[in-house]
């Protein structure tokens, strides 16, 4: 059987599948050429990340497909229900990248409160001529300890964020339509741990009381954070989005940064991905990464292994 990993897969995942007798193809096929390639090569399994889309046209045209796999959490680039109606298995790896995304949130947070996003832009340009001026510009940093982080979406990733926040001495508040409470297990290097019970709160309360808001929600039809929501946030608060593009109104966000309503914003995902708005890219108060939340070696190894195990389990039953 043939597996097309169109957006790549870790070597661990390749080895796992090849040892089970699968042929793994890692050729990157352009979106418009996918149907022909899948049919010509009689592909049984199509694996994607966020770049490749598997819509109704592919599902209808490619009868050889038995499994569509998403290396990651969100499956908004796959017509999931339609595929399942057609008898195609759809799988993903919801837990594999949680820790990696959570760590990226804090990379942005630590960088934000100490102006690293701006300092890293200006030091190469002016560090030799305006060192004292830059030192003064970045002299009013903040500590995370004692601050309140509001987590919108308290599933696996949101709870991983909570673990790190608690370890940093932050107050954690959270909101989720489907999670009422969660036990957060904060583990330490020597096997010790503490459990912290967190009850979720109304969305509006999170906006009002948070120093930092981080979003961990699936793709939405409308904005979760728009002009109205930003207006109800604390002056000088900050927003981090490592979830999905389109959950924040980026026009309202830039206005809030320019007016100093918000101190900074950190974005790993964008409304018009993969061509983010130039106003977002060039704003001096944005900390930016190109959708790399799950892009760690450890996460990709876990994703590859988890996909391989699911594929073997499904096709062995068939």
Protein backbone atom coordinates (compact mmCIF):
# COMPACT_ATOMS: atom_id res chain seq x y z
CA UNK A 1 0.00 0.00 0.00
CA UNK A 2 1.13 3.54 -0.77
CA UNK A 3 1.21 6.53 1.57
CA UNK A 4 1.64 10.03 0.15
CA UNK A 5 2.95 12.38 2.85
CA UNK A 6 2.41 15.51 0.81
CA UNK A 7 3.46 17.99 3.48
CA UNK A 8 6.20 15.75 4.85
CA UNK A 9 6.49 13.32 7.73
CA UNK A 10 9.26 12.63 10.24
CA UNK A 11 11.81 9.93 9.57
CA UNK A 12 10.47 8.12 12.62
CA UNK A 13 7.05 7.93 10.97
CA UNK A 14 8.55 6.81 7.66
CA UNK A 15 10.51 4.04 9.33
CA UNK A 16 7.46 2.88 11.26
CA UNK A 17 5.35 2.65 8.11
CA UNK A 18 8.04 1.07 5.95
CA UNK A 19 8.69 -1.60 8.58
CA UNK A 20 4.98 -2.47 8.31
CA UNK A 21 5.28 -2.88 4.54
CA UNK A 22 3.98 0.50 3.35
CA UNK A 23 5.59 2.49 0.56
CA UNK A 24 6.00 6.07 1.75
CA UNK A 25 6.17 8.84 -0.84
CA UNK A 26 7.35 12.26 0.31
CA UNK A 27 7.23 13.96 -3.09
CA UNK A 28 5.58 17.38 -2.76
CA UNK A 29 2.71 17.41 -5.25
CA UNK A 30 1.13 20.75 -6.19
CA UNK A 31 -2.49 21.15 -5.14
CA UNK A 32 -3.76 21.30 -8.72
CA UNK A 33 -1.89 18.11 -9.64
CA UNK A 34 -2.97 16.03 -6.66
CA UNK A 35 -5.91 14.24 -8.29
CA UNK A 36 -3.86 13.02 -11.24
CA UNK A 37 -0.94 11.99 -9.04
CA UNK A 38 -3.11 10.07 -6.57
CA UNK A 39 -4.94 8.23 -9.34
CA UNK A 40 -1.86 7.45 -11.43
CA UNK A 41 0.00 6.08 -8.41
CA UNK A 42 -3.03 4.44 -6.72
CA UNK A 43 -2.39 6.17 -3.40
CA UNK A 44 -4.12 4.54 -0.41
CA UNK A 45 -3.31 7.11 2.28
CA UNK A 46 -2.90 10.88 1.96
CA UNK A 47 -1.16 12.66 4.83
CA UNK A 48 -1.16 16.45 5.08
CA UNK A 49 -0.37 19.22 7.52
CA UNK A 50 -1.83 22.68 6.97
CA UNK A 51 -0.61 23.44 3.43
CA UNK A 52 -2.44 20.79 1.37
CA UNK A 53 -6.23 20.82 1.13
CA UNK A 54 -8.29 17.66 0.70
CA UNK A 55 -11.70 18.81 -0.45
CA UNK A 56 -14.72 17.15 -2.06
CA UNK A 57 -13.17 17.26 -5.55
CA UNK A 58 -10.25 15.08 -4.47
CA UNK A 59 -12.42 12.76 -2.39
CA UNK A 60 -14.83 12.24 -5.30
CA UNK A 61 -12.15 11.85 -7.95
CA UNK A 62 -9.77 9.53 -6.09
CA UNK A 63 -11.45 6.25 -5.23
CA UNK A 64 -8.22 4.62 -4.08
CA UNK A 65 -7.99 6.78 -0.94
CA UNK A 66 -8.78 4.85 2.21
CA UNK A 67 -7.36 7.24 4.82
CA UNK A 68 -6.78 10.99 5.01
CA UNK A 69 -4.47 11.96 7.86
CA UNK A 70 -3.72 15.38 9.31
CA UNK A 71 -0.42 15.76 11.13
CA UNK A 72 -1.67 18.10 13.82
CA UNK A 73 -4.88 19.21 15.50
CA UNK A 74 -7.15 21.31 13.30
CA UNK A 75 -8.67 19.70 10.22
CA UNK A 76 -10.19 22.75 8.55
CA UNK A 77 -8.22 21.97 5.37
CA UNK A 78 -10.07 18.63 5.01
CA UNK A 79 -13.75 18.05 4.24
CA UNK A 80 -13.95 15.66 7.16
CA UNK A 81 -17.66 14.81 7.30
CA UNK A 82 -17.93 14.40 3.53
CA UNK A 83 -14.94 12.04 3.50
CA UNK A 84 -16.44 9.92 6.27
CA UNK A 85 -19.78 9.80 4.45
CA UNK A 86 -17.87 8.35 1.51
CA UNK A 87 -16.30 5.67 3.71
CA UNK A 88 -12.88 7.32 3.99
CA UNK A 89 -11.20 7.29 7.39
CA UNK A 90 -10.02 10.70 8.61
CA UNK A 91 -7.42 10.81 11.38
CA UNK A 92 -5.34 13.45 13.15
CA UNK A 93 -2.91 13.77 16.06
CA UNK A 94 -4.57 16.09 18.57
CA UNK A 95 -2.15 15.58 21.47
CA UNK A 96 1.20 15.23 19.72
CA UNK A 97 2.04 18.91 19.29
CA UNK A 98 0.41 20.43 22.39
CA UNK A 99 3.62 20.96 24.35
CA UNK A 100 5.42 22.47 21.36
CA UNK A 101 2.66 25.01 20.70
CA UNK A 102 2.53 25.93 24.39
CA UNK A 103 6.27 26.54 24.48
CA UNK A 104 6.02 28.79 21.42
CA UNK A 105 3.35 30.83 23.21
CA UNK A 106 5.82 31.46 26.01
CA UNK A 107 8.67 32.17 23.63
CA UNK A 108 6.49 34.99 22.31
CA UNK A 109 5.42 36.03 25.81
CA UNK A 110 8.93 36.27 27.21
CA UNK A 111 10.06 38.08 24.09
CA UNK A 112 7.09 40.44 24.26
CA UNK A 113 7.47 41.64 27.83
CA UNK A 114 11.20 42.29 27.27
CA UNK A 115 10.81 43.84 23.79
CA UNK A 116 12.95 41.18 22.11
CA UNK A 117 10.79 41.33 18.98
CA UNK A 118 11.82 44.98 18.51
CA UNK A 119 15.30 44.78 19.95
CA UNK A 120 16.24 42.01 17.53
CA UNK A 121 15.19 44.25 14.66
CA UNK A 122 17.00 47.36 15.85
CA UNK A 123 20.22 46.12 17.45
CA UNK A 124 21.77 45.03 14.12
CA UNK A 125 20.84 48.41 12.60
CA UNK A 126 21.60 50.82 15.44
CA UNK A 127 23.30 48.87 18.20
CA UNK A 128 26.72 50.32 17.43
CA UNK A 129 25.59 53.95 17.13
CA UNK A 130 22.59 54.25 19.47
CA UNK A 131 23.31 51.67 22.16
CA UNK A 132 22.35 53.96 25.06
CA UNK A 133 19.15 55.08 23.32
CA UNK A 134 18.08 51.50 22.70
CA UNK A 135 18.91 50.59 26.30
CA UNK A 136 16.58 53.37 27.44
CA UNK A 137 13.85 52.31 24.98
CA UNK A 138 13.80 48.78 26.35
CA UNK A 139 14.26 49.65 30.02
CA UNK A 140 10.64 49.20 31.07
CA UNK A 141 10.24 45.47 30.69
CA UNK A 142 7.84 43.40 32.77
CA UNK A 143 8.00 40.10 34.61
CA UNK A 144 5.44 37.38 33.94
CA UNK A 145 5.38 36.25 37.56
CA UNK A 146 2.27 37.50 39.32
CA UNK A 147 0.53 38.49 36.09
CA UNK A 148 -2.75 37.03 34.85
CA UNK A 149 -2.90 34.97 31.67
CA UNK A 150 -6.30 34.37 30.12
CA UNK A 151 -6.60 31.23 28.03
CA UNK A 152 -9.40 31.17 25.45
CA UNK A 153 -9.95 27.52 24.60
CA UNK A 154 -9.04 25.15 27.41
CA UNK A 155 -8.45 21.89 25.55
CA UNK A 156 -5.15 20.03 25.31
CA UNK A 157 -3.04 22.97 24.14
CA UNK A 158 -4.70 25.47 26.46
CA UNK A 159 -4.01 23.19 29.40
CA UNK A 160 -0.36 22.80 28.37
CA UNK A 161 -0.11 26.59 28.35
CA UNK A 162 -1.60 26.61 31.85
CA UNK A 163 1.10 24.22 33.07
CA UNK A 164 3.89 26.52 31.95
CA UNK A 165 2.10 29.60 33.27
CA UNK A 166 1.64 28.06 36.70
CA UNK A 167 5.31 27.09 36.72
CA UNK A 168 6.17 30.74 36.03
CA UNK A 169 4.09 31.89 38.97
CA UNK A 170 1.26 33.34 36.90
CA UNK A 171 -2.42 33.46 37.75
CA UNK A 172 -4.32 31.35 35.21
CA UNK A 173 -7.90 31.98 34.16
CA UNK A 174 -9.60 30.27 31.26
CA UNK A 175 -12.76 30.17 29.17
CA UNK A 176 -14.17 27.30 27.12
CA UNK A 177 -17.64 26.46 25.84
CA UNK A 178 -17.17 22.75 26.45
CA UNK A 179 -14.76 22.47 29.40
CA UNK A 180 -16.09 23.40 32.83
CA UNK A 181 -13.02 22.55 34.87
CA UNK A 182 -9.69 20.82 34.51
CA UNK A 183 -7.00 19.41 36.74
CA UNK A 184 -3.65 20.79 35.63
CA UNK A 185 -0.75 18.54 36.55
CA UNK A 186 2.43 20.60 36.80
CA UNK A 187 5.35 18.17 36.62
CA UNK A 188 8.95 18.82 37.63
CA UNK A 189 12.22 17.30 36.44
CA UNK A 190 12.64 15.02 39.49
CA UNK A 191 9.27 13.28 39.26
CA UNK A 192 7.49 15.56 41.69
CA UNK A 193 4.29 17.31 40.66
CA UNK A 194 1.39 19.38 41.90
CA UNK A 195 -2.23 19.34 40.77
CA UNK A 196 -4.07 22.63 40.32
CA UNK A 197 -7.82 22.76 39.80
CA UNK A 198 -9.00 25.43 37.37
CA UNK A 199 -12.66 26.23 36.71
CA UNK A 200 -13.43 28.03 33.48
CA UNK A 201 -15.06 31.45 33.56
CA UNK A 202 -17.21 33.56 31.22
CA UNK A 203 -15.42 34.84 28.14
CA UNK A 204 -16.15 38.47 29.04
CA UNK A 205 -14.44 38.06 32.43
CA UNK A 206 -11.30 36.72 30.79
CA UNK A 207 -11.11 39.80 28.58
CA UNK A 208 -11.49 42.19 31.52
CA UNK A 209 -9.06 40.59 33.95
CA UNK A 210 -6.16 39.30 31.81
CA UNK A 211 -2.78 40.91 31.33
CA UNK A 212 -2.17 38.52 28.46
CA UNK A 213 -4.69 36.61 26.36
CA UNK A 214 -3.76 33.52 24.38
CA UNK A 215 -6.13 31.81 21.94
CA UNK A 216 -6.38 28.04 21.48
CA UNK A 217 -9.54 27.50 19.47
CA UNK A 218 -10.41 25.87 16.14
CA UNK A 219 -11.11 27.84 12.97
CA UNK A 220 -14.20 29.99 13.28
CA UNK A 221 -16.73 31.55 10.92
CA UNK A 222 -16.30 34.92 12.61
CA UNK A 223 -13.84 36.73 14.83
CA UNK A 224 -13.50 35.80 18.48
CA UNK A 225 -11.48 38.93 19.17
CA UNK A 226 -12.66 42.07 17.38
CA UNK A 227 -12.87 45.77 18.10
CA UNK A 228 -15.51 45.35 20.81
CA UNK A 229 -13.59 42.63 22.64
CA UNK A 230 -10.32 44.58 22.49
CA UNK A 231 -12.09 47.63 23.95
CA UNK A 232 -13.04 45.62 27.04
CA UNK A 233 -9.48 44.41 27.64
CA UNK A 234 -7.06 46.01 30.08
CA UNK A 235 -5.06 48.94 28.77
CA UNK A 236 -1.59 47.66 27.94
CA UNK A 237 -2.65 44.03 27.67
CA UNK A 238 -1.29 41.75 24.93
CA UNK A 239 -2.67 39.04 22.65
CA UNK A 240 -1.03 35.82 21.45
CA UNK A 241 -2.52 33.75 18.64
CA UNK A 242 -0.93 30.39 17.92
CA UNK A 243 -4.25 28.78 17.01
CA UNK A 244 -5.81 29.64 13.63
CA UNK A 245 -5.82 32.66 11.39
CA UNK A 246 -9.14 34.49 11.26
CA UNK A 247 -9.99 34.29 14.95
CA UNK A 248 -8.67 37.84 15.47
CA UNK A 249 -9.73 40.89 13.48
CA UNK A 250 -6.27 42.00 12.37
CA UNK A 251 -7.44 45.48 11.34
CA UNK A 252 -8.80 46.08 14.84
CA UNK A 253 -5.64 44.55 16.31
CA UNK A 254 -3.32 46.92 14.45
CA UNK A 255 -5.48 49.89 15.43
CA UNK A 256 -5.22 48.83 19.08
CA UNK A 257 -1.44 48.52 18.83
CA UNK A 258 -1.07 51.91 17.16
CA UNK A 259 -3.29 53.58 19.76
CA UNK A 260 -1.35 51.87 22.59
CA UNK A 261 -4.49 50.14 23.84
CA UNK A 262 -2.46 46.93 23.52
CA UNK A 263 1.25 46.72 24.31
CA UNK A 264 2.10 44.01 21.78
CA UNK A 265 0.67 41.14 19.79
CA UNK A 266 2.27 37.79 18.97
CA UNK A 267 1.03 35.92 15.92
CA UNK A 268 1.95 32.49 14.62
CA UNK A 269 -1.14 32.30 12.38
CA UNK A 270 -2.69 34.91 10.11
CA UNK A 271 -5.98 35.82 8.43
CA UNK A 272 -4.57 35.74 4.89
CA UNK A 273 -2.03 32.94 5.35
CA UNK A 274 0.29 32.25 3.57
CA UNK A 275 0.41 35.92 2.51
CA UNK A 276 -0.05 37.89 5.75
CA UNK A 277 -1.13 41.51 5.52
CA UNK A 278 1.81 43.88 5.17
CA UNK A 279 0.37 46.08 7.95
CA UNK A 280 0.74 43.14 10.33
CA UNK A 281 4.21 42.19 9.16
CA UNK A 282 5.60 45.72 9.38
CA UNK A 283 4.04 46.86 12.65
CA UNK A 284 6.69 47.52 15.27
CA UNK A 285 4.69 45.95 18.10
CA UNK A 286 4.18 42.51 16.57
CA UNK A 287 6.14 39.38 17.39
CA UNK A 288 5.79 37.07 14.41
CA UNK A 289 6.46 33.46 13.42
CA UNK A 290 5.37 31.62 10.24
CA UNK A 291 2.92 29.04 11.66
CA UNK A 292 5.56 26.94 13.41
CA UNK A 293 3.69 25.98 16.58
CA UNK A 294 4.12 22.24 16.00
CA UNK A 295 7.47 22.57 14.23
CA UNK A 296 9.76 20.91 16.75
CA UNK A 297 11.65 17.69 16.20
CA UNK A 298 9.96 16.13 19.22
CA UNK A 299 6.45 17.02 18.08
CA UNK A 300 7.07 15.83 14.52
CA UNK A 301 8.41 12.51 15.81
CA UNK A 302 5.29 12.08 17.94
CA UNK A 303 3.05 13.06 15.02
CA UNK A 304 4.76 10.62 12.64
CA UNK A 305 4.58 7.77 15.13
CA UNK A 306 0.94 8.45 16.02
CA UNK A 307 -0.14 8.66 12.37
CA UNK A 308 1.71 5.45 11.54
CA UNK A 309 0.10 3.55 14.40
CA UNK A 310 -3.38 4.73 13.43
CA UNK A 311 -2.83 3.82 9.77
CA UNK A 312 -1.62 0.34 10.64
CA UNK A 313 -4.51 -0.22 13.01
CA UNK A 314 -7.15 0.85 10.47
CA UNK A 315 -5.79 -1.02 7.48
CA UNK A 316 -5.18 -4.19 9.46
CA UNK A 317 -8.88 -4.24 10.35
CA UNK A 318 -9.94 -3.63 6.77
